[in-house]
Every structure is written in structure tokens, then in C-alpha cells.
Amino acid sequence: MTVDYAFIIIHFGNAIKYLELEIYLSLMLRKNSKYDIVYMYSITDTPILYPKIMNKYCNFVIPYDDNNITFNIKNFNSYYEHFNTLRTCNFLFAYKLIQYKKICIIESDTIILKNIDDIFNLKTPSILLANKTIEAKKKIKDNYKTILDIKKILLNCSTESDVNGGVIVVKPSITKYNFFIKNVKIVIENNCRYPNEVLFSIANKFIYNLPYKYNGTTYDIARNSSLLKINMNQYLSIVHFSSDKYKTIDYIRDNWVEKLKEKKKDVYNFVKLFKKLYFDKYDKIISKELINQHLQ
């Protein structure tokens, strides 16, 4: 059978926390999609056992070399101290997967709530637009086209971004891949706060809004729910812990899941659902595998 579409997970670094999140993401994708799951990892600093573990959960495990592209770059000041944000630009390596008609590149700090195969019906390139006006917020459920102002994006990129790159849907293209490789230097020179989102934007004269159901950011869930008068529990397909210090496993292990009742009521139900469907079922198995990996 020919598989036209795939979900792509991009990995770099040796932080075991993200490997754990990637395992859970793969489990959620497998339950909620019939399409391929592809794990791409940097050969520069990914521990050798990470791809071996992920090979159990994904259809394909593919290496890439980001040395002197986003890795080993000294003249970029990352907005976050705990990891180099420039490396989020590694999404560009997924554009080489031209065996697929469309791919969905998805970050590991997400919860998949239901079948998301319909995401490949969207026009491309699709990415969630920042909804800064009331009129824009009213369109967050639509896959509408917008023309980008590249000069304005670069002018403001040191402090903000007009998109959220947690989930994107694109057509692989060697031409686009080559463009990205050539223009990573632009986000470096401008010291962009969210380099992956800016690099993605400057490669496209126009983009389509990714409907909010596919990238429901925890930062905006409560406000968008109030504005749209919709039930987020029913509407959302993907919840994204964007700009959130804590991820799903952090909330659960540190007992923050209970504190969410008071601090983030709108996120509470999603974390509880993740705990019930995935964490409680797989935690012991995954933890044992990660401990064995660490000992080796």
C-alpha cells in the first residue's frame, strides 16, 4: 500500500525528558492515525540508543546532520537557556522526505485527543497564525490564506512571531529544503526569538492558517474558548503545551495535575485524560526502558 502522508518528529540533543515525550507522542499518533510516523534525529548529539528505542514506536527512524547549520553555531543568542532555540529550525530536514505528498511536523509537547488524519486535507503550507485582533480570532477555525509581510516579520523577530510552529502541514520539497539551508543565516543575523517560525515564514509568500483544533495552545485555550463560545473539550484534536514550563509528564509526576484545578482549570481535563489513557498504562514500561538506556 502506498502511504501518501506522514507525521514527523524532529529530535536533537540528549535530554531524556524529550525522548520520553516523543515515545508518548508516538503512542498517541499510532492510536489516532493510520499514516506513517517518522522519527528524525540529529547525529551530532543524539545518544545512540535513542533511535534504537524509537524504532519500536515509529515506522521509520532517519538521521540528519545539522552540524554547522543549527548545531555548533556560536554567534546566536538563544532565548531559552536550557536549549538552543536555533535548533528548532531542524524541521527543515523533513522537507527532504519527498516520498510523501504531505507531511505534518509535530512537536513532542502535545496531546493527541482524537483521530487527526483529516489534518492532511488542509491546504499547504499550514501553520497556526497568531490571532492578535478580534476579527482574526473569529477565523481561528478556518484554513484561510494570508499574505506575509516578510520585512515586518524580520523587523520584529527579536521579540515576537506571527505564527506558532508546534504543528505544521507542508509538502516536502528539495527546493524549499535548499532555501532553508541557505537562509538559516538570516534568523541568526537577526537573532530571532523563535527562529523556526521566522525561517518557515520567510520561505513562503503566503501561508494558510492551521485551524486551532490542530494546535490548541495551553496559553490561549481559555481565552479562545470564551471568545468563540465553544467547548474546547469537544472541539480540540491536539493540545499544545506551548510556552508552558511544565509538560504533561511534569504535571503528573510533580502532582501539578491536582494544582491545575486551581491554576489552569481549562488545561486540567486534558492532562487528566492523558494520564488515564497513556501515562497510567505505559509509565512503568517506558520508565524501565529509559532507566535501562541510562545505565547503558
Protein backbone atom coordinates (compact mmCIF):
# COMPACT_ATOMS: atom_id res chain seq x y z
CA MET A 1 0.00 0.00 0.00
CA THR A 2 1.23 3.48 -0.87
CA VAL A 3 1.29 5.83 2.08
CA ASP A 4 0.84 9.41 0.96
CA TYR A 5 1.19 11.14 4.32
CA ALA A 6 3.34 11.01 7.44
CA PHE A 7 3.75 12.59 10.86
CA ILE A 8 7.30 13.73 11.56
CA ILE A 9 9.00 14.03 14.96
CA ILE A 10 12.26 16.02 14.96
CA HIS A 11 14.79 15.22 17.69
CA PHE A 12 18.07 16.79 18.76
CA GLY A 13 20.08 16.73 21.99
CA ASN A 14 20.43 14.22 24.83
CA ALA A 15 17.65 15.34 27.18
CA ILE A 16 15.88 12.15 28.23
CA LYS A 17 12.73 14.11 29.08
CA TYR A 18 12.13 14.81 25.40
CA LEU A 19 12.74 11.19 24.46
CA GLU A 20 10.02 10.24 26.93
CA LEU A 21 7.64 12.82 25.45
CA GLU A 22 8.44 11.53 21.95
CA ILE A 23 7.57 7.98 22.96
CA TYR A 24 4.21 9.13 24.29
CA LEU A 25 3.59 11.21 21.17
CA SER A 26 4.29 8.16 19.01
CA LEU A 27 1.84 6.09 21.04
CA MET A 28 -0.83 8.77 20.67
CA LEU A 29 -0.22 9.11 16.94
CA ARG A 30 -0.41 5.37 16.42
CA LYS A 31 -3.75 5.24 18.20
CA ASN A 32 -5.16 8.20 16.29
CA SER A 33 -3.76 7.81 12.76
CA LYS A 34 -3.24 5.20 10.06
CA TYR A 35 -0.32 7.07 8.49
CA ASP A 36 3.44 6.72 8.92
CA ILE A 37 5.31 8.06 11.92
CA VAL A 38 8.85 9.17 11.08
CA TYR A 39 11.46 9.95 13.75
CA MET A 40 14.30 12.15 12.57
CA TYR A 41 17.30 12.66 14.84
CA SER A 42 20.49 14.69 14.77
CA ILE A 43 23.66 12.60 14.51
CA THR A 44 25.65 15.35 16.24
CA ASP A 45 24.40 14.81 19.80
CA THR A 46 21.60 12.24 19.93
CA PRO A 47 22.60 9.27 22.12
CA ILE A 48 22.91 6.12 20.02
CA LEU A 49 20.22 4.29 21.97
CA TYR A 50 17.53 6.93 21.35
CA PRO A 51 16.86 5.93 17.72
CA LYS A 52 17.01 2.26 18.73
CA ILE A 53 14.23 2.86 21.24
CA MET A 54 12.17 4.97 18.84
CA ASN A 55 12.45 2.30 16.17
CA LYS A 56 10.00 0.29 18.27
CA TYR A 57 7.38 3.04 18.10
CA CYS A 58 7.80 4.55 14.62
CA ASN A 59 7.65 3.33 11.04
CA PHE A 60 10.97 4.88 10.11
CA VAL A 61 13.95 6.31 12.00
CA ILE A 62 16.07 8.67 9.90
CA PRO A 63 19.29 10.53 10.85
CA TYR A 64 20.24 14.03 9.75
CA ASP A 65 23.39 16.11 10.15
CA ASP A 66 22.84 19.65 11.43
CA ASN A 67 26.49 20.41 12.18
CA ASN A 68 27.39 23.97 11.19
CA ILE A 69 23.77 24.55 10.19
CA THR A 70 22.00 24.87 13.54
CA PHE A 71 24.50 22.99 15.70
CA ASN A 72 27.93 24.35 16.63
CA ILE A 73 26.86 27.91 15.81
CA LYS A 74 28.47 30.41 18.15
CA ASN A 75 27.00 33.76 17.12
CA PHE A 76 23.38 33.10 18.10
CA ASN A 77 21.91 34.01 21.48
CA SER A 78 19.13 31.59 22.34
CA TYR A 79 16.04 33.00 24.04
CA TYR A 80 15.86 29.91 26.26
CA GLU A 81 18.83 28.95 28.39
CA HIS A 82 18.03 25.23 28.68
CA PHE A 83 18.35 24.59 24.94
CA ASN A 84 19.45 26.38 21.78
CA THR A 85 16.30 27.58 20.03
CA LEU A 86 18.15 27.79 16.72
CA ARG A 87 17.95 24.01 16.56
CA THR A 88 14.18 24.16 16.28
CA CYS A 89 14.96 25.07 12.67
CA ASN A 90 15.82 21.41 12.17
CA PHE A 91 12.28 20.95 10.87
CA LEU A 92 13.87 21.84 7.53
CA PHE A 93 15.35 18.33 7.22
CA ALA A 94 11.84 16.88 6.97
CA TYR A 95 11.44 18.65 3.62
CA LYS A 96 13.73 16.01 2.11
CA LEU A 97 11.03 13.36 2.59
CA ILE A 98 9.69 13.79 -0.94
CA GLN A 99 8.28 10.25 -0.97
CA TYR A 100 5.25 11.75 0.81
CA LYS A 101 2.67 14.09 -0.74
CA LYS A 102 2.21 15.91 2.56
CA ILE A 103 3.79 15.72 5.99
CA CYS A 104 2.77 17.01 9.39
CA ILE A 105 5.71 18.07 11.57
CA ILE A 106 4.62 17.94 15.18
CA GLU A 107 6.40 18.88 18.40
CA SER A 108 6.60 16.44 21.29
CA ASP A 109 4.88 18.65 23.90
CA THR A 110 1.43 17.86 22.51
CA ILE A 111 -1.51 15.65 23.40
CA ILE A 112 -3.44 13.92 20.61
CA LEU A 113 -7.09 13.69 21.61
CA LYS A 114 -8.74 12.04 18.61
CA ASN A 115 -8.14 10.83 15.07
CA ILE A 116 -6.25 13.54 13.17
CA ASP A 117 -5.88 12.03 9.71
CA ASP A 118 -8.10 14.81 8.36
CA ILE A 119 -5.25 17.26 9.00
CA PHE A 120 -3.90 16.21 5.60
CA ASN A 121 -6.98 17.67 3.93
CA LEU A 122 -5.67 21.13 4.74
CA LYS A 123 -4.10 23.40 2.16
CA THR A 124 -0.36 23.87 2.43
CA PRO A 125 1.70 25.34 3.91
CA SER A 126 -0.49 25.45 7.03
CA ILE A 127 0.63 26.86 10.37
CA LEU A 128 -1.27 28.46 13.24
CA LEU A 129 -1.39 32.22 12.85
CA ALA A 130 -1.12 34.46 15.90
CA ASN A 131 -4.59 35.91 16.37
CA LYS A 132 -3.90 39.41 17.61
CA THR A 133 -7.19 41.04 16.65
CA ILE A 134 -10.81 40.20 17.41
CA GLU A 135 -11.53 39.66 13.71
CA ALA A 136 -8.57 37.31 13.36
CA LYS A 137 -9.64 35.35 16.43
CA LYS A 138 -13.05 34.79 14.85
CA LYS A 139 -11.30 32.99 11.96
CA ILE A 140 -9.09 30.68 14.01
CA LYS A 141 -11.17 27.66 13.00
CA ASP A 142 -10.62 28.33 9.27
CA ASN A 143 -7.88 27.24 6.86
CA TYR A 144 -7.73 30.72 5.29
CA LYS A 145 -4.95 32.17 3.17
CA THR A 146 -2.88 35.15 4.27
CA ILE A 147 -0.07 37.09 2.56
CA LEU A 148 3.04 37.54 4.68
CA ASP A 149 4.93 40.78 5.20
CA ILE A 150 8.48 39.43 5.32
CA LYS A 151 10.09 42.80 6.10
CA LYS A 152 7.80 43.30 9.08
CA ILE A 153 8.41 39.74 10.30
CA LEU A 154 12.18 40.25 10.31
CA LEU A 155 11.87 43.70 11.85
CA ASN A 156 10.02 42.30 14.86
CA CYS A 157 11.51 38.82 15.07
CA SER A 158 13.79 39.50 18.03
CA THR A 159 10.74 39.84 20.26
CA GLU A 160 7.79 38.07 18.60
CA SER A 161 6.43 35.75 15.94
CA ASP A 162 3.22 35.83 13.91
CA VAL A 163 2.85 32.03 13.91
CA ASN A 164 3.15 29.02 16.20
CA GLY A 165 5.23 26.16 14.81
CA GLY A 166 4.04 23.41 17.15
CA VAL A 167 2.18 21.71 14.29
CA ILE A 168 2.70 22.44 10.60
CA VAL A 169 1.46 20.76 7.42
CA VAL A 170 3.60 21.07 4.30
CA LYS A 171 4.55 19.46 1.02
CA PRO A 172 8.14 18.15 1.08
CA SER A 173 10.37 19.90 -1.43
CA ILE A 174 14.09 19.78 -2.14
CA THR A 175 13.84 23.34 -3.46
CA LYS A 176 12.42 24.52 -0.13
CA TYR A 177 14.99 22.46 1.75
CA ASN A 178 17.80 24.21 -0.13
CA PHE A 179 16.19 27.58 0.58
CA PHE A 180 16.12 26.86 4.29
CA ILE A 181 19.74 25.71 4.37
CA LYS A 182 20.81 28.89 2.58
CA ASN A 183 18.73 31.23 4.74
CA VAL A 184 19.23 29.93 8.27
CA LYS A 185 21.83 32.70 8.45
CA ILE A 186 19.01 35.28 8.31
CA VAL A 187 17.47 34.16 11.60
CA ILE A 188 20.97 34.03 13.09
CA GLU A 189 21.82 37.56 11.95
CA ASN A 190 18.51 38.89 13.27
CA ASN A 191 18.75 36.84 16.49
CA CYS A 192 15.13 35.80 16.16
CA ARG A 193 13.35 34.81 19.35
CA TYR A 194 11.50 31.96 17.59
CA PRO A 195 13.91 31.10 14.74
CA ASN A 196 11.98 28.11 13.35
CA GLU A 197 8.79 30.13 12.96
CA VAL A 198 10.59 33.01 11.28
CA LEU A 199 12.55 30.70 8.95
CA PHE A 200 9.31 28.97 7.97
CA SER A 201 7.60 32.31 7.34
CA ILE A 202 10.28 33.89 5.15
CA ALA A 203 10.25 30.83 2.89
CA ASN A 204 6.62 31.38 1.98
CA LYS A 205 4.98 34.35 0.25
CA PHE A 206 1.70 33.19 1.73
CA ILE A 207 0.51 30.62 4.24
CA TYR A 208 -2.77 29.07 5.34
CA ASN A 209 -3.97 29.27 8.90
CA LEU A 210 -3.86 25.92 10.66
CA PRO A 211 -7.28 25.63 12.31
CA TYR A 212 -6.96 25.99 16.06
CA LYS A 213 -8.32 22.48 16.67
CA TYR A 214 -4.97 21.11 15.49
CA ASN A 215 -2.79 23.32 17.68
CA GLY A 216 -4.75 24.33 20.76
CA THR A 217 -2.09 26.11 22.75
CA THR A 218 -2.46 25.96 26.51
CA TYR A 219 -1.53 29.63 26.54
CA ASP A 220 -4.68 30.57 24.63
CA ILE A 221 -7.22 27.82 25.37
CA ALA A 222 -9.24 29.71 27.98
CA ARG A 223 -9.37 32.97 26.03
CA ASN A 224 -10.26 31.37 22.71
CA SER A 225 -12.92 29.22 24.34
CA SER A 226 -14.54 32.30 25.82
CA LEU A 227 -14.35 34.26 22.58
CA LEU A 228 -15.68 31.53 20.31
CA LYS A 229 -18.23 30.21 22.79
CA ILE A 230 -17.19 26.64 22.05
CA ASN A 231 -16.49 23.61 24.20
CA MET A 232 -12.74 23.07 23.88
CA ASN A 233 -13.06 19.51 25.19
CA GLN A 234 -15.18 18.64 22.17
CA TYR A 235 -13.53 20.89 19.60
CA LEU A 236 -9.81 20.26 20.03
CA SER A 237 -7.91 17.45 18.35
CA ILE A 238 -4.45 18.48 19.57
CA VAL A 239 -3.43 20.33 22.74
CA HIS A 240 -0.02 22.01 22.65
CA PHE A 241 1.85 22.96 25.83
CA SER A 242 3.32 25.98 24.08
CA SER A 243 5.31 28.46 26.22
CA ASP A 244 4.48 26.26 29.20
CA LYS A 245 7.28 25.48 31.64
CA TYR A 246 5.55 22.24 32.58
CA LYS A 247 4.72 19.47 30.13
CA THR A 248 2.26 16.61 30.65
CA ILE A 249 4.65 14.30 32.49
CA ASP A 250 5.85 17.18 34.70
CA TYR A 251 2.32 17.99 35.79
CA ILE A 252 1.66 14.37 36.65
CA ARG A 253 4.93 13.48 38.40
CA ASP A 254 5.12 16.67 40.46
CA ASN A 255 1.45 16.39 41.42
CA TRP A 256 0.76 19.55 39.48
CA VAL A 257 -2.17 17.79 37.85
CA GLU A 258 -4.16 18.47 41.02
CA LYS A 259 -2.92 22.05 41.31
CA LEU A 260 -4.20 22.64 37.78
CA LYS A 261 -7.70 22.61 39.22
CA GLU A 262 -6.94 25.99 40.74
CA LYS A 263 -4.30 27.46 38.42
CA LYS A 264 -5.28 26.24 34.94
CA LYS A 265 -8.73 24.73 35.04
CA ASP A 266 -9.04 24.70 31.27
CA VAL A 267 -5.95 22.51 30.90
CA TYR A 268 -6.77 20.20 33.82
CA ASN A 269 -9.13 17.88 31.91
CA PHE A 270 -6.65 17.35 29.09
CA VAL A 271 -3.82 16.35 31.43
CA LYS A 272 -6.17 14.05 33.36
CA LEU A 273 -7.22 12.39 30.10
CA PHE A 274 -3.59 11.91 29.04
CA LYS A 275 -2.85 10.39 32.45
CA LYS A 276 -5.76 7.98 32.20
CA LEU A 277 -5.25 6.85 28.60
CA TYR A 278 -1.46 6.83 28.34
CA PHE A 279 0.59 7.67 31.41
CA ASP A 280 -1.05 5.17 33.79
CA LYS A 281 -0.85 2.47 31.13
CA TYR A 282 2.70 2.97 29.88
CA ASP A 283 4.66 4.78 32.59
CA LYS A 284 6.21 1.69 34.17
CA ILE A 285 7.13 0.21 30.79
CA ILE A 286 8.64 3.43 29.45
CA SER A 287 10.41 4.32 32.71
CA LYS A 288 12.05 0.88 32.80
CA GLU A 289 13.20 1.27 29.21
CA LEU A 290 14.61 4.74 29.91
CA ILE A 291 16.40 3.53 33.05
CA ASN A 292 17.96 0.65 31.13
CA GLN A 293 19.02 3.10 28.40
CA HIS A 294 20.59 5.39 31.01
CA LEU A 295 22.53 2.50 32.58
CA GLN A 296 23.96 1.53 29.21
